[in-house]
Amino acid sequence: DISLVLSDIEMPVMDGLELVTEIRKDASLKHLPVIAVTSVAGEDAHQKGLKLGMDEYLIKLDREEILQTLRKYLYSTAVC
């Protein structure tokens, strides 16, 4: 079972924004939390990611925030 999707924004072939768009279109996957990690900081990029369906939009360099966020989502999934 898949508990969440952790994706970079900048990837070859399909970027993270395209990926979350496809996930949200699929009824069997749209419940999954999708967390983006990126080196692209800025409010515009952050808002675009959230608007397209990202649950979280995190900066790659903040390792502790990424780990805390993963724990939060994985714990809430395990409890359900």
PDB file of N, CA and C in Angstrom:
ATOM      1  N   ASP A   1       0.823  -1.191   0.000  1.00  0.00           N
ATOM      2  CA  ASP A   1       0.000   0.000   0.000  1.00  0.00           C
ATOM      3  C   ASP A   1       0.866   1.252   0.000  1.00  0.00           C
ATOM      4  N   ILE A   2       0.408   2.255  -0.663  1.00  0.00           N
ATOM      5  CA  ILE A   2       1.102   3.541  -0.714  1.00  0.00           C
ATOM      6  C   ILE A   2       0.430   4.472   0.281  1.00  0.00           C
ATOM      7  N   SER A   3       1.234   5.075   1.167  1.00  0.00           N
ATOM      8  CA  SER A   3       0.692   5.964   2.197  1.00  0.00           C
ATOM      9  C   SER A   3       0.774   7.427   1.818  1.00  0.00           C
ATOM     10  N   LEU A   4       1.760   7.784   0.994  1.00  0.00           N
ATOM     11  CA  LEU A   4       1.905   9.163   0.541  1.00  0.00           C
ATOM     12  C   LEU A   4       2.849   9.203  -0.642  1.00  0.00           C
ATOM     13  N   VAL A   5       2.861  10.340  -1.313  1.00  0.00           N
ATOM     14  CA  VAL A   5       3.772  10.558  -2.432  1.00  0.00           C
ATOM     15  C   VAL A   5       4.663  11.733  -2.066  1.00  0.00           C
ATOM     16  N   LEU A   6       5.973  11.512  -2.144  1.00  0.00           N
ATOM     17  CA  LEU A   6       6.960  12.558  -1.937  1.00  0.00           C
ATOM     18  C   LEU A   6       7.638  12.777  -3.282  1.00  0.00           C
ATOM     19  N   SER A   7       7.500  13.980  -3.805  1.00  0.00           N
ATOM     20  CA  SER A   7       7.982  14.245  -5.159  1.00  0.00           C
ATOM     21  C   SER A   7       8.767  15.535  -5.233  1.00  0.00           C
ATOM     22  N   ASP A   8       9.788  15.507  -6.047  1.00  0.00           N
ATOM     23  CA  ASP A   8      10.491  16.737  -6.397  1.00  0.00           C
ATOM     24  C   ASP A   8       9.597  17.497  -7.370  1.00  0.00           C
ATOM     25  N   ILE A   9       9.770  18.789  -7.451  1.00  0.00           N
ATOM     26  CA  ILE A   9       9.041  19.576  -8.450  1.00  0.00           C
ATOM     27  C   ILE A   9       9.743  19.489  -9.797  1.00  0.00           C
ATOM     28  N   GLU A  10      11.048  19.596  -9.781  1.00  0.00           N
ATOM     29  CA  GLU A  10      11.817  19.593 -11.027  1.00  0.00           C
ATOM     30  C   GLU A  10      12.323  18.184 -11.314  1.00  0.00           C
ATOM     31  N   MET A  11      11.691  17.534 -12.307  1.00  0.00           N
ATOM     32  CA  MET A  11      12.073  16.188 -12.714  1.00  0.00           C
ATOM     33  C   MET A  11      12.007  16.105 -14.235  1.00  0.00           C
ATOM     34  N   PRO A  12      12.753  15.172 -14.809  1.00  0.00           N
ATOM     35  CA  PRO A  12      12.654  14.996 -16.259  1.00  0.00           C
ATOM     36  C   PRO A  12      11.348  14.288 -16.618  1.00  0.00           C
ATOM     37  N   VAL A  13      10.927  14.417 -17.826  1.00  0.00           N
ATOM     38  CA  VAL A  13       9.743  13.791 -18.412  1.00  0.00           C
ATOM     39  C   VAL A  13       8.460  14.410 -17.855  1.00  0.00           C
ATOM     40  N   MET A  14       8.187  14.251 -16.553  1.00  0.00           N
ATOM     41  CA  MET A  14       6.983  14.810 -15.941  1.00  0.00           C
ATOM     42  C   MET A  14       7.409  15.506 -14.649  1.00  0.00           C
ATOM     43  N   ASP A  15       7.136  16.796 -14.538  1.00  0.00           N
ATOM     44  CA  ASP A  15       7.523  17.481 -13.307  1.00  0.00           C
ATOM     45  C   ASP A  15       6.510  17.204 -12.197  1.00  0.00           C
ATOM     46  N   GLY A  16       6.832  17.608 -10.990  1.00  0.00           N
ATOM     47  CA  GLY A  16       5.982  17.326  -9.839  1.00  0.00           C
ATOM     48  C   GLY A  16       4.597  17.937  -9.927  1.00  0.00           C
ATOM     49  N   LEU A  17       4.479  19.074 -10.596  1.00  0.00           N
ATOM     50  CA  LEU A  17       3.168  19.701 -10.744  1.00  0.00           C
ATOM     51  C   LEU A  17       2.278  18.887 -11.687  1.00  0.00           C
ATOM     52  N   GLU A  18       2.879  18.364 -12.741  1.00  0.00           N
ATOM     53  CA  GLU A  18       2.125  17.483 -13.648  1.00  0.00           C
ATOM     54  C   GLU A  18       1.753  16.190 -12.931  1.00  0.00           C
ATOM     55  N   LEU A  19       2.666  15.680 -12.112  1.00  0.00           N
ATOM     56  CA  LEU A  19       2.405  14.456 -11.372  1.00  0.00           C
ATOM     57  C   LEU A  19       1.219  14.623 -10.425  1.00  0.00           C
ATOM     58  N   VAL A  20       1.197  15.687  -9.642  1.00  0.00           N
ATOM     59  CA  VAL A  20       0.083  15.872  -8.708  1.00  0.00           C
ATOM     60  C   VAL A  20      -1.233  16.077  -9.452  1.00  0.00           C
ATOM     61  N   THR A  21      -1.191  16.724 -10.594  1.00  0.00           N
ATOM     62  CA  THR A  21      -2.398  16.910 -11.404  1.00  0.00           C
ATOM     63  C   THR A  21      -2.954  15.549 -11.834  1.00  0.00           C
ATOM     64  N   GLU A  22      -2.083  14.657 -12.270  1.00  0.00           N
ATOM     65  CA  GLU A  22      -2.522  13.321 -12.689  1.00  0.00           C
ATOM     66  C   GLU A  22      -3.030  12.506 -11.500  1.00  0.00           C
ATOM     67  N   ILE A  23      -2.367  12.606 -10.367  1.00  0.00           N
ATOM     68  CA  ILE A  23      -2.813  11.889  -9.167  1.00  0.00           C
ATOM     69  C   ILE A  23      -4.204  12.352  -8.758  1.00  0.00           C
ATOM     70  N   ARG A  24      -4.437  13.650  -8.768  1.00  0.00           N
ATOM     71  CA  ARG A  24      -5.731  14.177  -8.336  1.00  0.00           C
ATOM     72  C   ARG A  24      -6.858  13.818  -9.306  1.00  0.00           C
ATOM     73  N   LYS A  25      -6.530  13.506 -10.562  1.00  0.00           N
ATOM     74  CA  LYS A  25      -7.541  13.093 -11.545  1.00  0.00           C
ATOM     75  C   LYS A  25      -7.969  11.639 -11.357  1.00  0.00           C
ATOM     76  N   ASP A  26      -7.113  10.834 -10.729  1.00  0.00           N
ATOM     77  CA  ASP A  26      -7.351   9.402 -10.604  1.00  0.00           C
ATOM     78  C   ASP A  26      -8.105   9.116  -9.301  1.00  0.00           C
ATOM     79  N   ALA A  27      -9.328   8.629  -9.421  1.00  0.00           N
ATOM     80  CA  ALA A  27     -10.179   8.390  -8.244  1.00  0.00           C
ATOM     81  C   ALA A  27      -9.537   7.433  -7.247  1.00  0.00           C
ATOM     82  N   SER A  28      -8.744   6.478  -7.719  1.00  0.00           N
ATOM     83  CA  SER A  28      -8.132   5.508  -6.811  1.00  0.00           C
ATOM     84  C   SER A  28      -6.900   6.061  -6.096  1.00  0.00           C
ATOM     85  N   LEU A  29      -6.393   7.205  -6.545  1.00  0.00           N
ATOM     86  CA  LEU A  29      -5.187   7.790  -5.945  1.00  0.00           C
ATOM     87  C   LEU A  29      -5.409   9.149  -5.295  1.00  0.00           C
ATOM     88  N   LYS A  30      -6.502   9.811  -5.621  1.00  0.00           N
ATOM     89  CA  LYS A  30      -6.643  11.211  -5.212  1.00  0.00           C
ATOM     90  C   LYS A  30      -6.689  11.428  -3.707  1.00  0.00           C
ATOM     91  N   HIS A  31      -6.898  10.379  -2.926  1.00  0.00           N
ATOM     92  CA  HIS A  31      -6.887  10.494  -1.465  1.00  0.00           C
ATOM     93  C   HIS A  31      -5.473  10.595  -0.889  1.00  0.00           C
ATOM     94  N   LEU A  32      -4.465  10.216  -1.688  1.00  0.00           N
ATOM     95  CA  LEU A  32      -3.086  10.194  -1.195  1.00  0.00           C
ATOM     96  C   LEU A  32      -2.564  11.598  -0.888  1.00  0.00           C
ATOM     97  N   PRO A  33      -1.910  11.755   0.245  1.00  0.00           N
ATOM     98  CA  PRO A  33      -1.213  13.017   0.486  1.00  0.00           C
ATOM     99  C   PRO A  33      -0.046  13.132  -0.501  1.00  0.00           C
ATOM    100  N   VAL A  34       0.140  14.308  -1.072  1.00  0.00           N
ATOM    101  CA  VAL A  34       1.246  14.555  -1.990  1.00  0.00           C
ATOM    102  C   VAL A  34       2.076  15.698  -1.421  1.00  0.00           C
ATOM    103  N   ILE A  35       3.341  15.403  -1.195  1.00  0.00           N
ATOM    104  CA  ILE A  35       4.258  16.376  -0.611  1.00  0.00           C
ATOM    105  C   ILE A  35       5.330  16.691  -1.639  1.00  0.00           C
ATOM    106  N   ALA A  36       5.516  17.964  -1.924  1.00  0.00           N
ATOM    107  CA  ALA A  36       6.532  18.405  -2.872  1.00  0.00           C
ATOM    108  C   ALA A  36       7.760  18.868  -2.117  1.00  0.00           C
ATOM    109  N   VAL A  37       8.915  18.492  -2.628  1.00  0.00           N
ATOM    110  CA  VAL A  37      10.168  19.056  -2.144  1.00  0.00           C
ATOM    111  C   VAL A  37      10.829  19.742  -3.329  1.00  0.00           C
ATOM    112  N   THR A  38      11.349  20.911  -3.073  1.00  0.00           N
ATOM    113  CA  THR A  38      11.894  21.701  -4.167  1.00  0.00           C
ATOM    114  C   THR A  38      12.983  22.636  -3.684  1.00  0.00           C
ATOM    115  N   SER A  39      13.788  23.076  -4.595  1.00  0.00           N
ATOM    116  CA  SER A  39      14.764  24.119  -4.288  1.00  0.00           C
ATOM    117  C   SER A  39      14.232  25.479  -4.726  1.00  0.00           C
ATOM    118  N   VAL A  40      13.056  25.476  -5.350  1.00  0.00           N
ATOM    119  CA  VAL A  40      12.436  26.705  -5.832  1.00  0.00           C
ATOM    120  C   VAL A  40      11.604  27.313  -4.705  1.00  0.00           C
ATOM    121  N   ALA A  41      12.119  28.362  -4.108  1.00  0.00           N
ATOM    122  CA  ALA A  41      11.405  29.043  -3.024  1.00  0.00           C
ATOM    123  C   ALA A  41      10.632  30.220  -3.604  1.00  0.00           C
ATOM    124  N   GLY A  42       9.614  30.611  -2.904  1.00  0.00           N
ATOM    125  CA  GLY A  42       8.841  31.763  -3.331  1.00  0.00           C
ATOM    126  C   GLY A  42       7.361  31.509  -3.184  1.00  0.00           C
ATOM    127  N   GLU A  43       6.645  32.538  -2.829  1.00  0.00           N
ATOM    128  CA  GLU A  43       5.220  32.411  -2.564  1.00  0.00           C
ATOM    129  C   GLU A  43       4.430  32.007  -3.807  1.00  0.00           C
ATOM    130  N   ASP A  44       4.791  32.517  -4.979  1.00  0.00           N
ATOM    131  CA  ASP A  44       4.060  32.165  -6.203  1.00  0.00           C
ATOM    132  C   ASP A  44       4.161  30.672  -6.498  1.00  0.00           C
ATOM    133  N   ALA A  45       5.375  30.122  -6.408  1.00  0.00           N
ATOM    134  CA  ALA A  45       5.579  28.698  -6.653  1.00  0.00           C
ATOM    135  C   ALA A  45       4.833  27.867  -5.607  1.00  0.00           C
ATOM    136  N   HIS A  46       4.892  28.294  -4.373  1.00  0.00           N
ATOM    137  CA  HIS A  46       4.214  27.598  -3.270  1.00  0.00           C
ATOM    138  C   HIS A  46       2.704  27.563  -3.512  1.00  0.00           C
ATOM    139  N   GLN A  47       2.119  28.690  -3.829  1.00  0.00           N
ATOM    140  CA  GLN A  47       0.680  28.776  -4.067  1.00  0.00           C
ATOM    141  C   GLN A  47       0.250  27.952  -5.271  1.00  0.00           C
ATOM    142  N   LYS A  48       1.055  27.943  -6.313  1.00  0.00           N
ATOM    143  CA  LYS A  48       0.724  27.150  -7.505  1.00  0.00           C
ATOM    144  C   LYS A  48       0.688  25.670  -7.153  1.00  0.00           C
ATOM    145  N   GLY A  49       1.671  25.205  -6.380  1.00  0.00           N
ATOM    146  CA  GLY A  49       1.697  23.807  -5.965  1.00  0.00           C
ATOM    147  C   GLY A  49       0.479  23.437  -5.146  1.00  0.00           C
ATOM    148  N   LEU A  50       0.112  24.278  -4.197  1.00  0.00           N
ATOM    149  CA  LEU A  50      -1.059  24.005  -3.362  1.00  0.00           C
ATOM    150  C   LEU A  50      -2.348  24.038  -4.181  1.00  0.00           C
ATOM    151  N   LYS A  51      -2.423  24.975  -5.100  1.00  0.00           N
ATOM    152  CA  LYS A  51      -3.623  25.094  -5.944  1.00  0.00           C
ATOM    153  C   LYS A  51      -3.829  23.848  -6.805  1.00  0.00           C
ATOM    154  N   LEU A  52      -2.731  23.256  -7.248  1.00  0.00           N
ATOM    155  CA  LEU A  52      -2.827  22.064  -8.092  1.00  0.00           C
ATOM    156  C   LEU A  52      -3.070  20.793  -7.287  1.00  0.00           C
ATOM    157  N   GLY A  53      -2.982  20.878  -5.963  1.00  0.00           N
ATOM    158  CA  GLY A  53      -3.315  19.715  -5.146  1.00  0.00           C
ATOM    159  C   GLY A  53      -2.236  19.189  -4.236  1.00  0.00           C
ATOM    160  N   MET A  54      -1.089  19.862  -4.165  1.00  0.00           N
ATOM    161  CA  MET A  54      -0.066  19.455  -3.211  1.00  0.00           C
ATOM    162  C   MET A  54      -0.609  19.681  -1.800  1.00  0.00           C
ATOM    163  N   ASP A  55      -0.340  18.740  -0.923  1.00  0.00           N
ATOM    164  CA  ASP A  55      -0.729  18.920   0.471  1.00  0.00           C
ATOM    165  C   ASP A  55       0.309  19.755   1.217  1.00  0.00           C
ATOM    166  N   GLU A  56       1.549  19.605   0.828  1.00  0.00           N
ATOM    167  CA  GLU A  56       2.647  20.366   1.434  1.00  0.00           C
ATOM    168  C   GLU A  56       3.622  20.727   0.323  1.00  0.00           C
ATOM    169  N   TYR A  57       4.300  21.840   0.507  1.00  0.00           N
ATOM    170  CA  TYR A  57       5.297  22.322  -0.455  1.00  0.00           C
ATOM    171  C   TYR A  57       6.507  22.733   0.369  1.00  0.00           C
ATOM    172  N   LEU A  58       7.548  21.902   0.375  1.00  0.00           N
ATOM    173  CA  LEU A  58       8.683  22.092   1.277  1.00  0.00           C
ATOM    174  C   LEU A  58       9.972  22.376   0.516  1.00  0.00           C
ATOM    175  N   ILE A  59      10.841  23.119   1.163  1.00  0.00           N
ATOM    176  CA  ILE A  59      12.152  23.425   0.587  1.00  0.00           C
ATOM    177  C   ILE A  59      13.118  22.282   0.919  1.00  0.00           C
ATOM    178  N   LYS A  60      13.832  21.778  -0.085  1.00  0.00           N
ATOM    179  CA  LYS A  60      14.736  20.628   0.069  1.00  0.00           C
ATOM    180  C   LYS A  60      15.755  20.800   1.186  1.00  0.00           C
ATOM    181  N   LEU A  61      16.238  21.982   1.375  1.00  0.00           N
ATOM    182  CA  LEU A  61      17.329  22.190   2.318  1.00  0.00           C
ATOM    183  C   LEU A  61      16.911  22.057   3.776  1.00  0.00           C
ATOM    184  N   ASP A  62      15.626  22.045   4.063  1.00  0.00           N
ATOM    185  CA  ASP A  62      15.157  21.944   5.446  1.00  0.00           C
ATOM    186  C   ASP A  62      14.810  20.490   5.757  1.00  0.00           C
ATOM    187  N   ARG A  63      15.843  19.700   5.960  1.00  0.00           N
ATOM    188  CA  ARG A  63      15.680  18.258   6.178  1.00  0.00           C
ATOM    189  C   ARG A  63      14.766  17.957   7.365  1.00  0.00           C
ATOM    190  N   GLU A  64      14.934  18.663   8.455  1.00  0.00           N
ATOM    191  CA  GLU A  64      14.125  18.392   9.643  1.00  0.00           C
ATOM    192  C   GLU A  64      12.644  18.658   9.384  1.00  0.00           C
ATOM    193  N   GLU A  65      12.316  19.717   8.660  1.00  0.00           N
ATOM    194  CA  GLU A  65      10.916  19.986   8.335  1.00  0.00           C
ATOM    195  C   GLU A  65      10.331  18.876   7.460  1.00  0.00           C
ATOM    196  N   ILE A  66      11.119  18.386   6.523  1.00  0.00           N
ATOM    197  CA  ILE A  66      10.661  17.293   5.662  1.00  0.00           C
ATOM    198  C   ILE A  66      10.371  16.054   6.504  1.00  0.00           C
ATOM    199  N   LEU A  67      11.288  15.701   7.390  1.00  0.00           N
ATOM    200  CA  LEU A  67      11.087  14.525   8.237  1.00  0.00           C
ATOM    201  C   LEU A  67       9.878  14.686   9.152  1.00  0.00           C
ATOM    202  N   GLN A  68       9.702  15.844   9.733  1.00  0.00           N
ATOM    203  CA  GLN A  68       8.545  16.093  10.601  1.00  0.00           C
ATOM    204  C   GLN A  68       7.231  15.973   9.810  1.00  0.00           C
ATOM    205  N   THR A  69       7.221  16.506   8.621  1.00  0.00           N
ATOM    206  CA  THR A  69       6.025  16.448   7.784  1.00  0.00           C
ATOM    207  C   THR A  69       5.710  15.014   7.392  1.00  0.00           C
ATOM    208  N   LEU A  70       6.728  14.250   7.022  1.00  0.00           N
ATOM    209  CA  LEU A  70       6.510  12.843   6.688  1.00  0.00           C
ATOM    210  C   LEU A  70       5.963  12.079   7.886  1.00  0.00           C
ATOM    211  N   ARG A  71       6.534  12.317   9.058  1.00  0.00           N
ATOM    212  CA  ARG A  71       6.030  11.659  10.268  1.00  0.00           C
ATOM    213  C   ARG A  71       4.561  12.000  10.506  1.00  0.00           C
ATOM    214  N   LYS A  72       4.219  13.271  10.337  1.00  0.00           N
ATOM    215  CA  LYS A  72       2.836  13.710  10.557  1.00  0.00           C
ATOM    216  C   LYS A  72       1.875  12.945   9.650  1.00  0.00           C
ATOM    217  N   TYR A  73       2.180  12.867   8.370  1.00  0.00           N
ATOM    218  CA  TYR A  73       1.280  12.191   7.430  1.00  0.00           C
ATOM    219  C   TYR A  73       1.291  10.679   7.613  1.00  0.00           C
ATOM    220  N   LEU A  74       2.441  10.105   7.854  1.00  0.00           N
ATOM    221  CA  LEU A  74       2.498   8.659   8.027  1.00  0.00           C
ATOM    222  C   LEU A  74       1.820   8.232   9.321  1.00  0.00           C
ATOM    223  N   TYR A  75       1.960   9.010  10.362  1.00  0.00           N
ATOM    224  CA  TYR A  75       1.300   8.699  11.626  1.00  0.00           C
ATOM    225  C   TYR A  75      -0.209   8.791  11.479  1.00  0.00           C
ATOM    226  N   SER A  76      -0.698   9.845  10.840  1.00  0.00           N
ATOM    227  CA  SER A  76      -2.147  10.006  10.687  1.00  0.00           C
ATOM    228  C   SER A  76      -2.727   8.907   9.812  1.00  0.00           C
ATOM    229  N   THR A  77      -1.964   8.414   8.844  1.00  0.00           N
ATOM    230  CA  THR A  77      -2.418   7.316   7.988  1.00  0.00           C
ATOM    231  C   THR A  77      -2.448   6.010   8.777  1.00  0.00           C
ATOM    232  N   ALA A  78      -1.453   5.793   9.636  1.00  0.00           N
ATOM    233  CA  ALA A  78      -1.370   4.552  10.412  1.00  0.00           C
ATOM    234  C   ALA A  78      -2.483   4.468  11.446  1.00  0.00           C
ATOM    235  N   VAL A  79      -2.895   5.614  11.972  1.00  0.00           N
ATOM    236  CA  VAL A  79      -3.928   5.638  13.002  1.00  0.00           C
ATOM    237  C   VAL A  79      -5.294   5.339  12.421  1.00  0.00           C
ATOM    238  N   CYS A  80      -5.521   5.761  11.171  1.00  0.00           N
ATOM    239  CA  CYS A  80      -6.834   5.590  10.532  1.00  0.00           C
ATOM    240  C   CYS A  80      -7.154   4.163  10.223  1.00  0.00           C
TER     241      CYS A  80
END
